Amino acid sequence: MLEARGMVQEKRSSNAVRTDPVHLDADGRAFWKLNGHSVILLQDMGAWNSVATSEKWLEYSDEQKMDIEKYISFSREKMCRVQKAIETPSIDNDETK
């Protein structure tokens, strides 16, 4: 019986399931990278504020993967700079007088 147990794989959750996108951009696009797979998927919803959604899905090839990862990295850095600028208090000229 113990030998038979070793032959049966334990139940595992699917590697393909992902509940959060890798990146969301301002143009209504969500980038997904499924666990266990190397492809990047694009979910294009048009715009975030549109009432009627026209959803499209695209899969990027291995050749395009580096460009997409650069875009995601650049977008994240840009968002961090904007967020930091918003959080940084400005110096009023009245304080120097």
PDB file of N, CA and C in Angstrom:
ATOM      1  N   MET A   1       0.821  -1.191   0.000  1.00  0.00           N
ATOM      2  CA  MET A   1       0.000   0.000   0.000  1.00  0.00           C
ATOM      3  C   MET A   1       0.866   1.257   0.000  1.00  0.00           C
ATOM      4  N   LEU A   2       1.922   1.278   0.784  1.00  0.00           N
ATOM      5  CA  LEU A   2       2.795   2.447   0.846  1.00  0.00           C
ATOM      6  C   LEU A   2       3.490   2.686  -0.485  1.00  0.00           C
ATOM      7  N   GLU A   3       3.830   1.619  -1.184  1.00  0.00           N
ATOM      8  CA  GLU A   3       4.456   1.766  -2.497  1.00  0.00           C
ATOM      9  C   GLU A   3       3.490   2.419  -3.475  1.00  0.00           C
ATOM     10  N   ALA A   4       2.228   2.048  -3.410  1.00  0.00           N
ATOM     11  CA  ALA A   4       1.220   2.626  -4.299  1.00  0.00           C
ATOM     12  C   ALA A   4       1.013   4.108  -3.999  1.00  0.00           C
ATOM     13  N   ARG A   5       1.089   4.490  -2.742  1.00  0.00           N
ATOM     14  CA  ARG A   5       0.934   5.903  -2.379  1.00  0.00           C
ATOM     15  C   ARG A   5       2.042   6.744  -2.986  1.00  0.00           C
ATOM     16  N   GLY A   6       3.234   6.225  -3.038  1.00  0.00           N
ATOM     17  CA  GLY A   6       4.357   6.963  -3.597  1.00  0.00           C
ATOM     18  C   GLY A   6       4.216   7.194  -5.091  1.00  0.00           C
ATOM     19  N   MET A   7       3.454   6.349  -5.758  1.00  0.00           N
ATOM     20  CA  MET A   7       3.285   6.473  -7.199  1.00  0.00           C
ATOM     21  C   MET A   7       2.233   7.514  -7.571  1.00  0.00           C
ATOM     22  N   VAL A   8       1.329   7.831  -6.650  1.00  0.00           N
ATOM     23  CA  VAL A   8       0.262   8.791  -6.921  1.00  0.00           C
ATOM     24  C   VAL A   8       0.763  10.185  -6.558  1.00  0.00           C
ATOM     25  N   GLN A   9       0.591  11.107  -7.483  1.00  0.00           N
ATOM     26  CA  GLN A   9       1.016  12.477  -7.211  1.00  0.00           C
ATOM     27  C   GLN A   9       0.068  13.129  -6.218  1.00  0.00           C
ATOM     28  N   GLU A  10       0.650  13.946  -5.359  1.00  0.00           N
ATOM     29  CA  GLU A  10      -0.159  14.706  -4.417  1.00  0.00           C
ATOM     30  C   GLU A  10      -0.962  15.747  -5.181  1.00  0.00           C
ATOM     31  N   LYS A  11      -2.127  16.096  -4.650  1.00  0.00           N
ATOM     32  CA  LYS A  11      -2.938  17.130  -5.293  1.00  0.00           C
ATOM     33  C   LYS A  11      -2.223  18.467  -5.151  1.00  0.00           C
ATOM     34  N   ARG A  12      -2.104  19.157  -6.261  1.00  0.00           N
ATOM     35  CA  ARG A  12      -1.490  20.480  -6.267  1.00  0.00           C
ATOM     36  C   ARG A  12      -2.415  21.432  -7.002  1.00  0.00           C
ATOM     37  N   SER A  13      -2.329  22.693  -6.634  1.00  0.00           N
ATOM     38  CA  SER A  13      -3.120  23.678  -7.371  1.00  0.00           C
ATOM     39  C   SER A  13      -2.479  23.906  -8.731  1.00  0.00           C
ATOM     40  N   SER A  14      -3.278  24.315  -9.662  1.00  0.00           N
ATOM     41  CA  SER A  14      -2.805  24.525 -11.027  1.00  0.00           C
ATOM     42  C   SER A  14      -1.809  25.668 -11.087  1.00  0.00           C
ATOM     43  N   ASN A  15      -0.725  25.475 -11.822  1.00  0.00           N
ATOM     44  CA  ASN A  15       0.257  26.534 -12.018  1.00  0.00           C
ATOM     45  C   ASN A  15      -0.243  27.602 -12.969  1.00  0.00           C
ATOM     46  N   ALA A  16      -1.290  27.309 -13.712  1.00  0.00           N
ATOM     47  CA  ALA A  16      -1.785  28.261 -14.707  1.00  0.00           C
ATOM     48  C   ALA A  16      -2.705  29.312 -14.097  1.00  0.00           C
ATOM     49  N   VAL A  17      -3.148  29.111 -12.875  1.00  0.00           N
ATOM     50  CA  VAL A  17      -4.089  30.039 -12.260  1.00  0.00           C
ATOM     51  C   VAL A  17      -3.335  31.229 -11.677  1.00  0.00           C
ATOM     52  N   ARG A  18      -3.779  32.414 -12.037  1.00  0.00           N
ATOM     53  CA  ARG A  18      -3.212  33.638 -11.483  1.00  0.00           C
ATOM     54  C   ARG A  18      -4.360  34.611 -11.290  1.00  0.00           C
ATOM     55  N   THR A  19      -4.454  35.212 -10.125  1.00  0.00           N
ATOM     56  CA  THR A  19      -5.569  36.103  -9.852  1.00  0.00           C
ATOM     57  C   THR A  19      -5.216  37.571  -9.995  1.00  0.00           C
ATOM     58  N   ASP A  20      -3.947  37.916 -10.008  1.00  0.00           N
ATOM     59  CA  ASP A  20      -3.523  39.306 -10.135  1.00  0.00           C
ATOM     60  C   ASP A  20      -2.624  39.468 -11.353  1.00  0.00           C
ATOM     61  N   PRO A  21      -2.829  40.522 -12.127  1.00  0.00           N
ATOM     62  CA  PRO A  21      -1.950  40.747 -13.281  1.00  0.00           C
ATOM     63  C   PRO A  21      -0.562  41.191 -12.837  1.00  0.00           C
ATOM     64  N   VAL A  22       0.421  40.985 -13.704  1.00  0.00           N
ATOM     65  CA  VAL A  22       1.788  41.425 -13.445  1.00  0.00           C
ATOM     66  C   VAL A  22       1.856  42.944 -13.463  1.00  0.00           C
ATOM     67  N   HIS A  23       1.120  43.562 -14.395  1.00  0.00           N
ATOM     68  CA  HIS A  23       1.164  45.019 -14.548  1.00  0.00           C
ATOM     69  C   HIS A  23      -0.139  45.515 -15.161  1.00  0.00           C
ATOM     70  N   LEU A  24      -0.620  46.634 -14.660  1.00  0.00           N
ATOM     71  CA  LEU A  24      -1.770  47.328 -15.236  1.00  0.00           C
ATOM     72  C   LEU A  24      -1.281  48.684 -15.708  1.00  0.00           C
ATOM     73  N   ASP A  25      -1.630  49.081 -16.928  1.00  0.00           N
ATOM     74  CA  ASP A  25      -1.225  50.412 -17.378  1.00  0.00           C
ATOM     75  C   ASP A  25      -2.443  51.311 -17.537  1.00  0.00           C
ATOM     76  N   ALA A  26      -2.201  52.575 -17.793  1.00  0.00           N
ATOM     77  CA  ALA A  26      -3.266  53.581 -17.840  1.00  0.00           C
ATOM     78  C   ALA A  26      -4.155  53.445 -19.067  1.00  0.00           C
ATOM     79  N   ASP A  27      -3.740  52.687 -20.054  1.00  0.00           N
ATOM     80  CA  ASP A  27      -4.489  52.562 -21.301  1.00  0.00           C
ATOM     81  C   ASP A  27      -5.436  51.366 -21.324  1.00  0.00           C
ATOM     82  N   GLY A  28      -5.721  50.791 -20.170  1.00  0.00           N
ATOM     83  CA  GLY A  28      -6.663  49.678 -20.110  1.00  0.00           C
ATOM     84  C   GLY A  28      -6.061  48.343 -20.481  1.00  0.00           C
ATOM     85  N   ARG A  29      -4.767  48.193 -20.269  1.00  0.00           N
ATOM     86  CA  ARG A  29      -4.102  46.926 -20.591  1.00  0.00           C
ATOM     87  C   ARG A  29      -3.604  46.264 -19.313  1.00  0.00           C
ATOM     88  N   ALA A  30      -3.798  44.962 -19.244  1.00  0.00           N
ATOM     89  CA  ALA A  30      -3.298  44.159 -18.138  1.00  0.00           C
ATOM     90  C   ALA A  30      -2.363  43.106 -18.712  1.00  0.00           C
ATOM     91  N   PHE A  31      -1.186  42.988 -18.123  1.00  0.00           N
ATOM     92  CA  PHE A  31      -0.202  41.995 -18.546  1.00  0.00           C
ATOM     93  C   PHE A  31      -0.209  40.870 -17.526  1.00  0.00           C
ATOM     94  N   TRP A  32      -0.319  39.649 -18.029  1.00  0.00           N
ATOM     95  CA  TRP A  32      -0.401  38.463 -17.189  1.00  0.00           C
ATOM     96  C   TRP A  32       0.751  37.531 -17.512  1.00  0.00           C
ATOM     97  N   LYS A  33       1.347  36.943 -16.479  1.00  0.00           N
ATOM     98  CA  LYS A  33       2.365  35.905 -16.652  1.00  0.00           C
ATOM     99  C   LYS A  33       1.908  34.737 -15.791  1.00  0.00           C
ATOM    100  N   LEU A  34       1.513  33.669 -16.446  1.00  0.00           N
ATOM    101  CA  LEU A  34       0.968  32.525 -15.737  1.00  0.00           C
ATOM    102  C   LEU A  34       2.079  31.726 -15.078  1.00  0.00           C
ATOM    103  N   ASN A  35       1.821  31.284 -13.859  1.00  0.00           N
ATOM    104  CA  ASN A  35       2.800  30.468 -13.139  1.00  0.00           C
ATOM    105  C   ASN A  35       3.072  29.190 -13.920  1.00  0.00           C
ATOM    106  N   GLY A  36       4.320  28.843 -14.052  1.00  0.00           N
ATOM    107  CA  GLY A  36       4.680  27.619 -14.745  1.00  0.00           C
ATOM    108  C   GLY A  36       4.811  27.766 -16.249  1.00  0.00           C
ATOM    109  N   HIS A  37       4.558  28.959 -16.781  1.00  0.00           N
ATOM    110  CA  HIS A  37       4.663  29.199 -18.220  1.00  0.00           C
ATOM    111  C   HIS A  37       5.513  30.439 -18.458  1.00  0.00           C
ATOM    112  N   SER A  38       6.204  30.474 -19.569  1.00  0.00           N
ATOM    113  CA  SER A  38       7.087  31.603 -19.845  1.00  0.00           C
ATOM    114  C   SER A  38       6.430  32.694 -20.679  1.00  0.00           C
ATOM    115  N   VAL A  39       5.248  32.445 -21.207  1.00  0.00           N
ATOM    116  CA  VAL A  39       4.610  33.430 -22.082  1.00  0.00           C
ATOM    117  C   VAL A  39       3.999  34.569 -21.265  1.00  0.00           C
ATOM    118  N   ILE A  40       3.907  35.726 -21.906  1.00  0.00           N
ATOM    119  CA  ILE A  40       3.231  36.878 -21.325  1.00  0.00           C
ATOM    120  C   ILE A  40       1.969  37.114 -22.141  1.00  0.00           C
ATOM    121  N   LEU A  41       0.846  37.264 -21.452  1.00  0.00           N
ATOM    122  CA  LEU A  41      -0.431  37.517 -22.105  1.00  0.00           C
ATOM    123  C   LEU A  41      -0.824  38.971 -21.887  1.00  0.00           C
ATOM    124  N   LEU A  42      -1.435  39.559 -22.902  1.00  0.00           N
ATOM    125  CA  LEU A  42      -1.949  40.918 -22.812  1.00  0.00           C
ATOM    126  C   LEU A  42      -3.466  40.862 -22.871  1.00  0.00           C
ATOM    127  N   GLN A  43      -4.106  41.454 -21.898  1.00  0.00           N
ATOM    128  CA  GLN A  43      -5.557  41.609 -21.893  1.00  0.00           C
ATOM    129  C   GLN A  43      -5.823  43.085 -22.165  1.00  0.00           C
ATOM    130  N   ASP A  44      -6.292  43.394 -23.362  1.00  0.00           N
ATOM    131  CA  ASP A  44      -6.547  44.779 -23.765  1.00  0.00           C
ATOM    132  C   ASP A  44      -8.035  45.059 -23.626  1.00  0.00           C
ATOM    133  N   MET A  45      -8.370  45.937 -22.682  1.00  0.00           N
ATOM    134  CA  MET A  45      -9.773  46.260 -22.417  1.00  0.00           C
ATOM    135  C   MET A  45     -10.162  47.625 -22.959  1.00  0.00           C
ATOM    136  N   GLY A  46      -9.340  48.200 -23.794  1.00  0.00           N
ATOM    137  CA  GLY A  46      -9.649  49.508 -24.369  1.00  0.00           C
ATOM    138  C   GLY A  46      -9.283  50.631 -23.432  1.00  0.00           C
ATOM    139  N   ALA A  47     -10.152  50.973 -22.513  1.00  0.00           N
ATOM    140  CA  ALA A  47      -9.897  52.016 -21.521  1.00  0.00           C
ATOM    141  C   ALA A  47     -10.560  51.614 -20.213  1.00  0.00           C
ATOM    142  N   TRP A  48      -9.975  52.050 -19.110  1.00  0.00           N
ATOM    143  CA  TRP A  48     -10.514  51.685 -17.805  1.00  0.00           C
ATOM    144  C   TRP A  48     -11.870  52.328 -17.545  1.00  0.00           C
ATOM    145  N   ASN A  49     -12.091  53.498 -18.124  1.00  0.00           N
ATOM    146  CA  ASN A  49     -13.328  54.214 -17.826  1.00  0.00           C
ATOM    147  C   ASN A  49     -14.426  53.999 -18.865  1.00  0.00           C
ATOM    148  N   SER A  50     -14.216  53.127 -19.822  1.00  0.00           N
ATOM    149  CA  SER A  50     -15.242  52.893 -20.842  1.00  0.00           C
ATOM    150  C   SER A  50     -16.357  52.013 -20.280  1.00  0.00           C
ATOM    151  N   VAL A  51     -17.571  52.291 -20.718  1.00  0.00           N
ATOM    152  CA  VAL A  51     -18.733  51.543 -20.235  1.00  0.00           C
ATOM    153  C   VAL A  51     -18.795  50.168 -20.907  1.00  0.00           C
ATOM    154  N   ALA A  52     -18.704  50.149 -22.218  1.00  0.00           N
ATOM    155  CA  ALA A  52     -18.736  48.889 -22.965  1.00  0.00           C
ATOM    156  C   ALA A  52     -17.311  48.377 -23.139  1.00  0.00           C
ATOM    157  N   THR A  53     -17.070  47.178 -22.663  1.00  0.00           N
ATOM    158  CA  THR A  53     -15.729  46.618 -22.780  1.00  0.00           C
ATOM    159  C   THR A  53     -15.598  45.815 -24.069  1.00  0.00           C
ATOM    160  N   SER A  54     -14.521  46.047 -24.743  1.00  0.00           N
ATOM    161  CA  SER A  54     -14.192  45.247 -25.932  1.00  0.00           C
ATOM    162  C   SER A  54     -12.858  44.580 -25.634  1.00  0.00           C
ATOM    163  N   GLU A  55     -12.935  43.467 -24.965  1.00  0.00           N
ATOM    164  CA  GLU A  55     -11.757  42.789 -24.456  1.00  0.00           C
ATOM    165  C   GLU A  55     -11.073  41.968 -25.536  1.00  0.00           C
ATOM    166  N   LYS A  56      -9.737  42.109 -25.626  1.00  0.00           N
ATOM    167  CA  LYS A  56      -8.928  41.319 -26.561  1.00  0.00           C
ATOM    168  C   LYS A  56      -7.782  40.687 -25.780  1.00  0.00           C
ATOM    169  N   TRP A  57      -7.416  39.483 -26.181  1.00  0.00           N
ATOM    170  CA  TRP A  57      -6.299  38.781 -25.559  1.00  0.00           C
ATOM    171  C   TRP A  57      -5.231  38.529 -26.616  1.00  0.00           C
ATOM    172  N   LEU A  58      -3.978  38.788 -26.258  1.00  0.00           N
ATOM    173  CA  LEU A  58      -2.847  38.534 -27.146  1.00  0.00           C
ATOM    174  C   LEU A  58      -1.771  37.782 -26.380  1.00  0.00           C
ATOM    175  N   GLU A  59      -1.050  36.936 -27.085  1.00  0.00           N
ATOM    176  CA  GLU A  59       0.077  36.222 -26.495  1.00  0.00           C
ATOM    177  C   GLU A  59       1.345  36.697 -27.180  1.00  0.00           C
ATOM    178  N   TYR A  60       2.326  37.087 -26.384  1.00  0.00           N
ATOM    179  CA  TYR A  60       3.593  37.552 -26.943  1.00  0.00           C
ATOM    180  C   TYR A  60       4.540  36.377 -27.153  1.00  0.00           C
ATOM    181  N   SER A  61       5.289  36.436 -28.227  1.00  0.00           N
ATOM    182  CA  SER A  61       6.257  35.380 -28.531  1.00  0.00           C
ATOM    183  C   SER A  61       7.503  35.569 -27.670  1.00  0.00           C
ATOM    184  N   ASP A  62       8.374  34.570 -27.684  1.00  0.00           N
ATOM    185  CA  ASP A  62       9.619  34.651 -26.924  1.00  0.00           C
ATOM    186  C   ASP A  62      10.485  35.825 -27.381  1.00  0.00           C
ATOM    187  N   GLU A  63      10.442  36.145 -28.677  1.00  0.00           N
ATOM    188  CA  GLU A  63      11.237  37.250 -29.206  1.00  0.00           C
ATOM    189  C   GLU A  63      10.747  38.594 -28.662  1.00  0.00           C
ATOM    190  N   GLN A  64       9.454  38.704 -28.399  1.00  0.00           N
ATOM    191  CA  GLN A  64       8.866  39.951 -27.910  1.00  0.00           C
ATOM    192  C   GLN A  64       8.923  40.069 -26.388  1.00  0.00           C
ATOM    193  N   LYS A  65       9.212  38.981 -25.715  1.00  0.00           N
ATOM    194  CA  LYS A  65       9.154  38.942 -24.258  1.00  0.00           C
ATOM    195  C   LYS A  65      10.072  39.975 -23.610  1.00  0.00           C
ATOM    196  N   MET A  66      11.298  40.113 -24.089  1.00  0.00           N
ATOM    197  CA  MET A  66      12.242  41.074 -23.504  1.00  0.00           C
ATOM    198  C   MET A  66      11.733  42.502 -23.654  1.00  0.00           C
ATOM    199  N   ASP A  67      11.163  42.836 -24.815  1.00  0.00           N
ATOM    200  CA  ASP A  67      10.627  44.180 -25.025  1.00  0.00           C
ATOM    201  C   ASP A  67       9.465  44.464 -24.077  1.00  0.00           C
ATOM    202  N   ILE A  68       8.609  43.492 -23.875  1.00  0.00           N
ATOM    203  CA  ILE A  68       7.464  43.666 -22.978  1.00  0.00           C
ATOM    204  C   ILE A  68       7.940  43.815 -21.540  1.00  0.00           C
ATOM    205  N   GLU A  69       8.918  43.016 -21.123  1.00  0.00           N
ATOM    206  CA  GLU A  69       9.446  43.132 -19.767  1.00  0.00           C
ATOM    207  C   GLU A  69      10.114  44.489 -19.552  1.00  0.00           C
ATOM    208  N   LYS A  70      10.787  45.024 -20.579  1.00  0.00           N
ATOM    209  CA  LYS A  70      11.370  46.372 -20.489  1.00  0.00           C
ATOM    210  C   LYS A  70      10.273  47.417 -20.340  1.00  0.00           C
ATOM    211  N   TYR A  71       9.188  47.272 -21.111  1.00  0.00           N
ATOM    212  CA  TYR A  71       8.063  48.205 -21.028  1.00  0.00           C
ATOM    213  C   TYR A  71       7.449  48.184 -19.627  1.00  0.00           C
ATOM    214  N   ILE A  72       7.236  46.994 -19.085  1.00  0.00           N
ATOM    215  CA  ILE A  72       6.654  46.864 -17.751  1.00  0.00           C
ATOM    216  C   ILE A  72       7.577  47.497 -16.717  1.00  0.00           C
ATOM    217  N   SER A  73       8.875  47.232 -16.811  1.00  0.00           N
ATOM    218  CA  SER A  73       9.846  47.801 -15.881  1.00  0.00           C
ATOM    219  C   SER A  73       9.865  49.325 -15.963  1.00  0.00           C
ATOM    220  N   PHE A  74       9.888  49.861 -17.190  1.00  0.00           N
ATOM    221  CA  PHE A  74       9.886  51.310 -17.386  1.00  0.00           C
ATOM    222  C   PHE A  74       8.616  51.930 -16.816  1.00  0.00           C
ATOM    223  N   SER A  75       7.474  51.300 -17.066  1.00  0.00           N
ATOM    224  CA  SER A  75       6.195  51.823 -16.572  1.00  0.00           C
ATOM    225  C   SER A  75       6.151  51.838 -15.051  1.00  0.00           C
ATOM    226  N   ARG A  76       6.685  50.793 -14.424  1.00  0.00           N
ATOM    227  CA  ARG A  76       6.715  50.740 -12.956  1.00  0.00           C
ATOM    228  C   ARG A  76       7.624  51.829 -12.387  1.00  0.00           C
ATOM    229  N   GLU A  77       8.803  52.014 -12.999  1.00  0.00           N
ATOM    230  CA  GLU A  77       9.720  53.058 -12.543  1.00  0.00           C
ATOM    231  C   GLU A  77       9.087  54.437 -12.693  1.00  0.00           C
ATOM    232  N   LYS A  78       8.421  54.658 -13.806  1.00  0.00           N
ATOM    233  CA  LYS A  78       7.752  55.939 -14.046  1.00  0.00           C
ATOM    234  C   LYS A  78       6.669  56.174 -12.994  1.00  0.00           C
ATOM    235  N   MET A  79       5.887  55.145 -12.690  1.00  0.00           N
ATOM    236  CA  MET A  79       4.831  55.270 -11.691  1.00  0.00           C
ATOM    237  C   MET A  79       5.422  55.564 -10.312  1.00  0.00           C
ATOM    238  N   CYS A  80       6.552  54.947  -9.984  1.00  0.00           N
ATOM    239  CA  CYS A  80       7.207  55.202  -8.696  1.00  0.00           C
ATOM    240  C   CYS A  80       7.691  56.643  -8.613  1.00  0.00           C
ATOM    241  N   ARG A  81       8.259  57.162  -9.718  1.00  0.00           N
ATOM    242  CA  ARG A  81       8.722  58.556  -9.727  1.00  0.00           C
ATOM    243  C   ARG A  81       7.556  59.513  -9.542  1.00  0.00           C
ATOM    244  N   VAL A  82       6.452  59.241 -10.204  1.00  0.00           N
ATOM    245  CA  VAL A  82       5.268  60.098 -10.074  1.00  0.00           C
ATOM    246  C   VAL A  82       4.746  60.040  -8.645  1.00  0.00           C
ATOM    247  N   GLN A  83       4.660  58.847  -8.083  1.00  0.00           N
ATOM    248  CA  GLN A  83       4.169  58.683  -6.716  1.00  0.00           C
ATOM    249  C   GLN A  83       5.084  59.396  -5.732  1.00  0.00           C
ATOM    250  N   LYS A  84       6.392  59.286  -5.926  1.00  0.00           N
ATOM    251  CA  LYS A  84       7.350  59.943  -5.044  1.00  0.00           C
ATOM    252  C   LYS A  84       7.211  61.459  -5.140  1.00  0.00           C
ATOM    253  N   ALA A  85       7.003  61.984  -6.342  1.00  0.00           N
ATOM    254  CA  ALA A  85       6.830  63.426  -6.534  1.00  0.00           C
ATOM    255  C   ALA A  85       5.559  63.916  -5.850  1.00  0.00           C
ATOM    256  N   ILE A  86       4.519  63.108  -5.856  1.00  0.00           N
ATOM    257  CA  ILE A  86       3.265  63.484  -5.198  1.00  0.00           C
ATOM    258  C   ILE A  86       3.443  63.509  -3.683  1.00  0.00           C
ATOM    259  N   GLU A  87       4.178  62.541  -3.155  1.00  0.00           N
ATOM    260  CA  GLU A  87       4.354  62.425  -1.707  1.00  0.00           C
ATOM    261  C   GLU A  87       5.372  63.404  -1.147  1.00  0.00           C
ATOM    262  N   THR A  88       6.289  63.917  -1.957  1.00  0.00           N
ATOM    263  CA  THR A  88       7.328  64.825  -1.492  1.00  0.00           C
ATOM    264  C   THR A  88       6.726  66.206  -1.260  1.00  0.00           C
ATOM    265  N   PRO A  89       6.862  66.738  -0.038  1.00  0.00           N
ATOM    266  CA  PRO A  89       6.310  68.073   0.215  1.00  0.00           C
ATOM    267  C   PRO A  89       7.117  69.138  -0.515  1.00  0.00           C
ATOM    268  N   SER A  90       6.412  70.118  -1.024  1.00  0.00           N
ATOM    269  CA  SER A  90       7.100  71.201  -1.723  1.00  0.00           C
ATOM    270  C   SER A  90       7.550  72.248  -0.715  1.00  0.00           C
ATOM    271  N   ILE A  91       8.599  72.986  -1.050  1.00  0.00           N
ATOM    272  CA  ILE A  91       9.132  74.044  -0.194  1.00  0.00           C
ATOM    273  C   ILE A  91       8.482  75.350  -0.609  1.00  0.00           C
ATOM    274  N   ASP A  92       7.794  75.973   0.333  1.00  0.00           N
ATOM    275  CA  ASP A  92       7.153  77.258   0.049  1.00  0.00           C
ATOM    276  C   ASP A  92       8.180  78.381   0.132  1.00  0.00           C
ATOM    277  N   ASN A  93       8.080  79.336  -0.739  1.00  0.00           N
ATOM    278  CA  ASN A  93       8.972  80.491  -0.718  1.00  0.00           C
ATOM    279  C   ASN A  93       8.725  81.368   0.496  1.00  0.00           C
ATOM    280  N   ASP A  94       7.528  81.296   1.084  1.00  0.00           N
ATOM    281  CA  ASP A  94       7.197  82.112   2.247  1.00  0.00           C
ATOM    282  C   ASP A  94       8.033  81.728   3.461  1.00  0.00           C
ATOM    283  N   GLU A  95       8.468  80.480   3.552  1.00  0.00           N
ATOM    284  CA  GLU A  95       9.247  80.032   4.697  1.00  0.00           C
ATOM    285  C   GLU A  95      10.643  80.630   4.706  1.00  0.00           C
ATOM    286  N   THR A  96      11.170  80.999   3.560  1.00  0.00           N
ATOM    287  CA  THR A  96      12.528  81.528   3.485  1.00  0.00           C
ATOM    288  C   THR A  96      12.587  83.005   3.817  1.00  0.00           C
ATOM    289  N   LYS A  97      11.469  83.681   3.884  1.00  0.00           N
ATOM    290  CA  LYS A  97      11.447  85.128   4.174  1.00  0.00           C
ATOM    291  C   LYS A  97      11.552  85.416   5.636  1.00  0.00           C
TER     292      LYS A  97
END
